[in-house]
């Protein structure tokens, strides 16, 4: 329906495609992944508009959609890095806890030895 509105009902809207998509995104009506999924969908599978209109819409939306794709990829990379850092921190904590336990065990053994003497 949005494709038809932007291409057939008011041709002036076609030039504002990226701003309209941004507004839908900012308002929480469409998510970044939904917009990118639409952008990457085959234009020859458009239901309401013809292939030429679908290509024109994606051309007008390209700058905004490419920005969203890059931002999503960057977010995914950041999430992977955060998970790796969390795993490293957990491993360091486990090592520290093991060292602390060894020190406690050593101190206890020393006390036990002193008590026997």
N, C-alpha and C. Protein backbone atom coordinates (compact mmCIF):
# COMPACT_ATOMS: atom_id res chain seq x y z
N UNK A 1 0.82 -1.19 0.00
CA UNK A 1 0.00 0.00 0.00
C UNK A 1 0.87 1.26 0.00
N UNK A 2 1.92 1.25 0.80
CA UNK A 2 2.79 2.42 0.84
C UNK A 2 3.44 2.64 -0.53
N UNK A 3 3.83 1.55 -1.17
CA UNK A 3 4.43 1.67 -2.49
C UNK A 3 3.47 2.35 -3.47
N UNK A 4 2.20 1.97 -3.42
CA UNK A 4 1.22 2.57 -4.31
C UNK A 4 1.05 4.05 -3.99
N UNK A 5 0.96 4.37 -2.73
CA UNK A 5 0.81 5.78 -2.33
C UNK A 5 1.96 6.63 -2.83
N UNK A 6 3.17 6.11 -2.69
CA UNK A 6 4.35 6.89 -3.08
C UNK A 6 4.55 6.99 -4.59
N UNK A 7 4.01 6.06 -5.33
CA UNK A 7 4.25 6.07 -6.79
C UNK A 7 3.05 6.48 -7.62
N UNK A 8 1.86 6.21 -7.16
CA UNK A 8 0.69 6.42 -8.02
C UNK A 8 -0.25 7.53 -7.56
N UNK A 9 -0.45 7.64 -6.30
CA UNK A 9 -1.46 8.60 -5.83
C UNK A 9 -0.94 10.02 -5.75
N UNK A 10 0.34 10.16 -5.46
CA UNK A 10 0.92 11.49 -5.38
C UNK A 10 2.38 11.37 -5.79
N UNK A 11 2.65 11.67 -7.03
CA UNK A 11 4.00 11.48 -7.56
C UNK A 11 5.04 12.31 -6.82
N UNK A 12 4.64 13.42 -6.23
CA UNK A 12 5.59 14.26 -5.48
C UNK A 12 6.12 13.52 -4.26
N UNK A 13 5.35 12.58 -3.74
CA UNK A 13 5.79 11.83 -2.56
C UNK A 13 6.99 10.94 -2.86
N UNK A 14 7.11 10.50 -4.09
CA UNK A 14 8.23 9.62 -4.46
C UNK A 14 9.57 10.25 -4.10
N UNK A 15 9.69 11.55 -4.28
CA UNK A 15 10.94 12.24 -3.95
C UNK A 15 11.20 12.32 -2.45
N UNK A 16 10.19 12.02 -1.66
CA UNK A 16 10.34 12.08 -0.20
C UNK A 16 10.35 10.69 0.43
N UNK A 17 10.60 9.68 -0.38
CA UNK A 17 10.56 8.30 0.10
C UNK A 17 11.46 8.09 1.32
N UNK A 18 12.72 8.54 1.25
CA UNK A 18 13.63 8.28 2.38
C UNK A 18 13.17 9.00 3.64
N UNK A 19 12.56 10.18 3.50
CA UNK A 19 12.07 10.92 4.67
C UNK A 19 10.84 10.23 5.27
N UNK A 20 10.01 9.69 4.40
CA UNK A 20 8.83 8.97 4.88
C UNK A 20 9.25 7.70 5.61
N UNK A 21 10.21 6.98 5.05
CA UNK A 21 10.71 5.77 5.72
C UNK A 21 11.35 6.12 7.06
N UNK A 22 12.10 7.21 7.09
CA UNK A 22 12.72 7.65 8.35
C UNK A 22 11.66 7.97 9.39
N UNK A 23 10.60 8.63 8.97
CA UNK A 23 9.51 8.96 9.89
C UNK A 23 8.85 7.70 10.43
N UNK A 24 8.61 6.74 9.55
CA UNK A 24 8.02 5.46 9.98
C UNK A 24 8.95 4.75 10.97
N UNK A 25 10.23 4.81 10.72
CA UNK A 25 11.23 4.20 11.60
C UNK A 25 11.28 4.92 12.95
N UNK A 26 11.38 6.24 12.90
CA UNK A 26 11.47 7.02 14.15
C UNK A 26 10.22 6.88 15.01
N UNK A 27 9.07 6.72 14.37
CA UNK A 27 7.81 6.58 15.10
C UNK A 27 7.61 5.16 15.63
N UNK A 28 8.50 4.25 15.26
CA UNK A 28 8.38 2.86 15.72
C UNK A 28 7.34 2.07 14.95
N UNK A 29 6.92 2.60 13.81
CA UNK A 29 5.93 1.90 12.99
C UNK A 29 6.61 0.79 12.19
N UNK A 30 7.83 1.05 11.74
CA UNK A 30 8.60 0.05 10.99
C UNK A 30 9.98 -0.06 11.64
N UNK A 31 10.48 -1.27 11.75
CA UNK A 31 11.81 -1.48 12.32
C UNK A 31 12.86 -1.41 11.22
N UNK A 32 14.10 -1.28 11.64
CA UNK A 32 15.20 -1.25 10.66
C UNK A 32 15.23 -2.53 9.83
N UNK A 33 15.02 -3.65 10.47
CA UNK A 33 15.07 -4.92 9.73
C UNK A 33 13.90 -5.05 8.75
N UNK A 34 12.73 -4.52 9.10
CA UNK A 34 11.60 -4.56 8.18
C UNK A 34 11.86 -3.70 6.95
N UNK A 35 12.42 -2.52 7.16
CA UNK A 35 12.71 -1.62 6.06
C UNK A 35 13.77 -2.22 5.15
N UNK A 36 14.83 -2.75 5.74
CA UNK A 36 15.90 -3.35 4.95
C UNK A 36 15.38 -4.59 4.21
N UNK A 37 14.53 -5.37 4.86
CA UNK A 37 13.96 -6.54 4.19
C UNK A 37 13.13 -6.12 2.97
N UNK A 38 12.34 -5.06 3.12
CA UNK A 38 11.57 -4.55 1.97
C UNK A 38 12.53 -4.08 0.87
N UNK A 39 13.54 -3.33 1.26
CA UNK A 39 14.49 -2.76 0.30
C UNK A 39 15.19 -3.86 -0.50
N UNK A 40 15.53 -4.95 0.16
CA UNK A 40 16.26 -6.03 -0.49
C UNK A 40 15.36 -7.03 -1.20
N UNK A 41 14.05 -6.88 -1.03
CA UNK A 41 13.14 -7.82 -1.68
C UNK A 41 13.16 -7.61 -3.20
N UNK A 42 12.96 -8.68 -3.95
CA UNK A 42 13.00 -8.57 -5.41
C UNK A 42 11.89 -7.64 -5.92
N UNK A 43 12.27 -6.72 -6.76
CA UNK A 43 11.29 -5.76 -7.28
C UNK A 43 10.28 -6.41 -8.21
N UNK A 44 10.64 -7.51 -8.80
CA UNK A 44 9.69 -8.17 -9.70
C UNK A 44 8.62 -8.97 -8.95
N UNK A 45 8.73 -9.00 -7.62
CA UNK A 45 7.71 -9.66 -6.80
C UNK A 45 6.77 -8.65 -6.14
N UNK A 46 6.89 -7.38 -6.51
CA UNK A 46 6.01 -6.36 -5.94
C UNK A 46 4.56 -6.71 -6.30
N UNK A 47 3.67 -6.54 -5.35
CA UNK A 47 2.28 -6.96 -5.55
C UNK A 47 1.43 -5.81 -6.10
N UNK A 48 1.57 -4.63 -5.53
CA UNK A 48 0.68 -3.53 -5.87
C UNK A 48 1.22 -2.69 -7.02
N UNK A 49 2.53 -2.52 -7.08
CA UNK A 49 3.14 -1.67 -8.12
C UNK A 49 3.88 -2.55 -9.12
N UNK A 50 4.18 -1.95 -10.27
CA UNK A 50 4.92 -2.73 -11.26
C UNK A 50 6.42 -2.65 -10.97
N UNK A 51 7.19 -3.40 -11.70
CA UNK A 51 8.63 -3.51 -11.48
C UNK A 51 9.32 -2.15 -11.60
N UNK A 52 8.93 -1.36 -12.57
CA UNK A 52 9.55 -0.05 -12.77
C UNK A 52 9.33 0.85 -11.57
N UNK A 53 8.11 0.85 -11.04
CA UNK A 53 7.79 1.66 -9.87
C UNK A 53 8.55 1.16 -8.64
N UNK A 54 8.64 -0.15 -8.49
CA UNK A 54 9.35 -0.73 -7.35
C UNK A 54 10.84 -0.37 -7.40
N UNK A 55 11.41 -0.40 -8.59
CA UNK A 55 12.82 -0.02 -8.75
C UNK A 55 13.01 1.46 -8.40
N UNK A 56 12.09 2.30 -8.86
CA UNK A 56 12.18 3.74 -8.59
C UNK A 56 12.10 4.01 -7.08
N UNK A 57 11.20 3.32 -6.40
CA UNK A 57 11.08 3.48 -4.94
C UNK A 57 12.37 3.09 -4.23
N UNK A 58 12.93 1.97 -4.60
CA UNK A 58 14.15 1.51 -3.94
C UNK A 58 15.32 2.44 -4.24
N UNK A 59 15.32 3.01 -5.42
CA UNK A 59 16.36 3.98 -5.76
C UNK A 59 16.26 5.20 -4.84
N UNK A 60 15.05 5.67 -4.62
CA UNK A 60 14.85 6.84 -3.74
C UNK A 60 15.14 6.49 -2.28
N UNK A 61 14.97 5.24 -1.90
CA UNK A 61 15.19 4.80 -0.52
C UNK A 61 16.61 4.32 -0.26
N UNK A 62 17.41 4.22 -1.30
CA UNK A 62 18.72 3.58 -1.20
C UNK A 62 19.60 4.18 -0.10
N UNK A 63 19.75 5.47 -0.06
CA UNK A 63 20.65 6.10 0.92
C UNK A 63 20.25 5.74 2.34
N UNK A 64 18.98 5.85 2.65
CA UNK A 64 18.51 5.56 4.00
C UNK A 64 18.64 4.07 4.31
N UNK A 65 18.27 3.22 3.36
CA UNK A 65 18.32 1.78 3.59
C UNK A 65 19.76 1.28 3.73
N UNK A 66 20.67 1.83 2.95
CA UNK A 66 22.08 1.45 3.09
C UNK A 66 22.61 1.87 4.45
N UNK A 67 22.19 3.03 4.92
CA UNK A 67 22.58 3.47 6.27
C UNK A 67 22.07 2.49 7.32
N UNK A 68 20.81 2.10 7.19
CA UNK A 68 20.24 1.14 8.16
C UNK A 68 20.99 -0.18 8.13
N UNK A 69 21.32 -0.68 6.92
CA UNK A 69 22.05 -1.94 6.80
C UNK A 69 23.40 -1.86 7.50
N UNK A 70 24.13 -0.78 7.26
CA UNK A 70 25.44 -0.60 7.89
C UNK A 70 25.31 -0.51 9.39
N UNK A 71 24.29 0.20 9.85
CA UNK A 71 24.07 0.33 11.29
C UNK A 71 23.73 -1.02 11.93
N UNK A 72 22.90 -1.81 11.24
CA UNK A 72 22.55 -3.13 11.75
C UNK A 72 23.78 -4.03 11.81
N UNK A 73 24.61 -3.99 10.76
CA UNK A 73 25.82 -4.81 10.73
C UNK A 73 26.79 -4.37 11.82
N UNK A 74 26.91 -3.08 12.03
CA UNK A 74 27.78 -2.55 13.07
C UNK A 74 27.28 -2.98 14.45
N UNK A 75 25.96 -2.93 14.64
CA UNK A 75 25.37 -3.36 15.91
C UNK A 75 25.62 -4.84 16.15
N UNK A 76 25.51 -5.64 15.10
CA UNK A 76 25.77 -7.07 15.23
C UNK A 76 27.23 -7.32 15.62
N UNK A 77 28.16 -6.59 14.99
CA UNK A 77 29.58 -6.74 15.32
C UNK A 77 29.84 -6.30 16.75
N UNK A 78 29.21 -5.20 17.17
CA UNK A 78 29.37 -4.72 18.55
C UNK A 78 28.86 -5.75 19.54
N UNK A 79 27.73 -6.39 19.20
CA UNK A 79 27.16 -7.40 20.08
C UNK A 79 28.09 -8.60 20.20
N UNK A 80 28.68 -9.01 19.08
CA UNK A 80 29.62 -10.13 19.10
C UNK A 80 30.83 -9.76 19.97
N UNK A 81 31.35 -8.56 19.80
CA UNK A 81 32.50 -8.12 20.59
C UNK A 81 32.15 -8.06 22.07
N UNK A 82 30.95 -7.58 22.40
CA UNK A 82 30.53 -7.54 23.79
C UNK A 82 30.46 -8.93 24.38
N UNK A 83 29.90 -9.88 23.62
CA UNK A 83 29.81 -11.26 24.10
C UNK A 83 31.19 -11.86 24.31
N UNK A 84 32.12 -11.58 23.39
CA UNK A 84 33.47 -12.09 23.54
C UNK A 84 34.13 -11.49 24.78
N UNK A 85 33.93 -10.19 25.01
CA UNK A 85 34.49 -9.55 26.20
C UNK A 85 33.89 -10.12 27.47
N UNK A 86 32.57 -10.38 27.45
CA UNK A 86 31.94 -10.98 28.62
C UNK A 86 32.52 -12.35 28.91
N UNK A 87 32.72 -13.16 27.86
CA UNK A 87 33.29 -14.49 28.04
C UNK A 87 34.71 -14.41 28.60
N UNK A 88 35.50 -13.47 28.08
CA UNK A 88 36.86 -13.29 28.58
C UNK A 88 36.85 -12.88 30.05
N UNK A 89 35.95 -11.97 30.41
CA UNK A 89 35.85 -11.53 31.80
C UNK A 89 35.43 -12.67 32.72
N UNK A 90 34.49 -13.50 32.25
CA UNK A 90 34.07 -14.64 33.05
C UNK A 90 35.23 -15.61 33.26
N UNK A 91 36.01 -15.84 32.21
CA UNK A 91 37.15 -16.75 32.32
C UNK A 91 38.18 -16.18 33.29
N UNK A 92 38.43 -14.88 33.23
CA UNK A 92 39.39 -14.25 34.14
C UNK A 92 38.89 -14.37 35.58
N UNK A 93 37.59 -14.17 35.79
CA UNK A 93 37.03 -14.28 37.13
C UNK A 93 37.17 -15.71 37.66
N UNK A 94 36.93 -16.68 36.78
CA UNK A 94 37.06 -18.08 37.19
C UNK A 94 38.51 -18.39 37.56
N UNK A 95 39.46 -17.88 36.80
CA UNK A 95 40.87 -18.09 37.10
C UNK A 95 41.23 -17.43 38.43
N UNK A 96 40.74 -16.21 38.64
CA UNK A 96 41.03 -15.51 39.89
C UNK A 96 40.42 -16.25 41.06
N UNK A 97 39.19 -16.73 40.89
CA UNK A 97 38.54 -17.48 41.97
C UNK A 97 39.30 -18.76 42.27
N UNK A 98 39.81 -19.41 41.23
CA UNK A 98 40.60 -20.62 41.44
C UNK A 98 41.89 -20.32 42.18
N UNK A 99 42.55 -19.21 41.83
CA UNK A 99 43.78 -18.82 42.51
C UNK A 99 43.49 -18.46 43.96
N UNK A 100 42.39 -17.75 44.20
CA UNK A 100 42.01 -17.39 45.57
C UNK A 100 41.76 -18.66 46.39
N UNK A 101 41.08 -19.62 45.79
CA UNK A 101 40.78 -20.87 46.49
C UNK A 101 42.07 -21.61 46.81
N UNK A 102 43.02 -21.63 45.86
CA UNK A 102 44.30 -22.29 46.10
C UNK A 102 45.05 -21.62 47.25
N UNK A 103 45.01 -20.31 47.30
CA UNK A 103 45.68 -19.58 48.38
C UNK A 103 45.02 -19.89 49.71
N UNK A 104 43.67 -19.93 49.73
CA UNK A 104 42.96 -20.25 50.96
C UNK A 104 43.29 -21.68 51.41
N UNK A 105 43.33 -22.61 50.46
CA UNK A 105 43.65 -23.99 50.79
C UNK A 105 45.07 -24.10 51.32
N UNK A 106 45.99 -23.36 50.72
CA UNK A 106 47.38 -23.36 51.18
C UNK A 106 47.51 -22.81 52.58
N UNK A 107 46.79 -21.75 52.86
CA UNK A 107 46.83 -21.14 54.20
C UNK A 107 46.22 -22.10 55.22
N UNK A 108 45.16 -22.79 54.85
CA UNK A 108 44.52 -23.74 55.75
C UNK A 108 45.45 -24.91 56.04
N UNK A 109 46.12 -25.42 54.99
CA UNK A 109 47.07 -26.52 55.17
C UNK A 109 48.19 -26.09 56.10
N UNK A 110 48.65 -24.86 55.96
CA UNK A 110 49.73 -24.36 56.80
C UNK A 110 49.27 -24.29 58.26
N UNK A 111 48.04 -23.82 58.48
CA UNK A 111 47.49 -23.76 59.83
C UNK A 111 47.38 -25.17 60.42
N UNK A 112 46.89 -26.10 59.60
CA UNK A 112 46.74 -27.47 60.08
C UNK A 112 48.11 -28.05 60.46
N UNK A 113 49.12 -27.78 59.68
CA UNK A 113 50.46 -28.27 59.94
C UNK A 113 51.00 -27.66 61.23
N UNK A 114 50.74 -26.37 61.46
CA UNK A 114 51.22 -25.70 62.66
C UNK A 114 50.52 -26.24 63.89
N UNK A 115 49.23 -26.60 63.75
CA UNK A 115 48.47 -27.13 64.87
C UNK A 115 49.02 -28.50 65.27
N UNK A 116 49.48 -29.30 64.31
CA UNK A 116 49.99 -30.62 64.58
C UNK A 116 51.32 -30.52 65.33
N UNK A 117 52.15 -29.53 65.00
CA UNK A 117 53.45 -29.39 65.64
C UNK A 117 53.23 -28.98 67.06
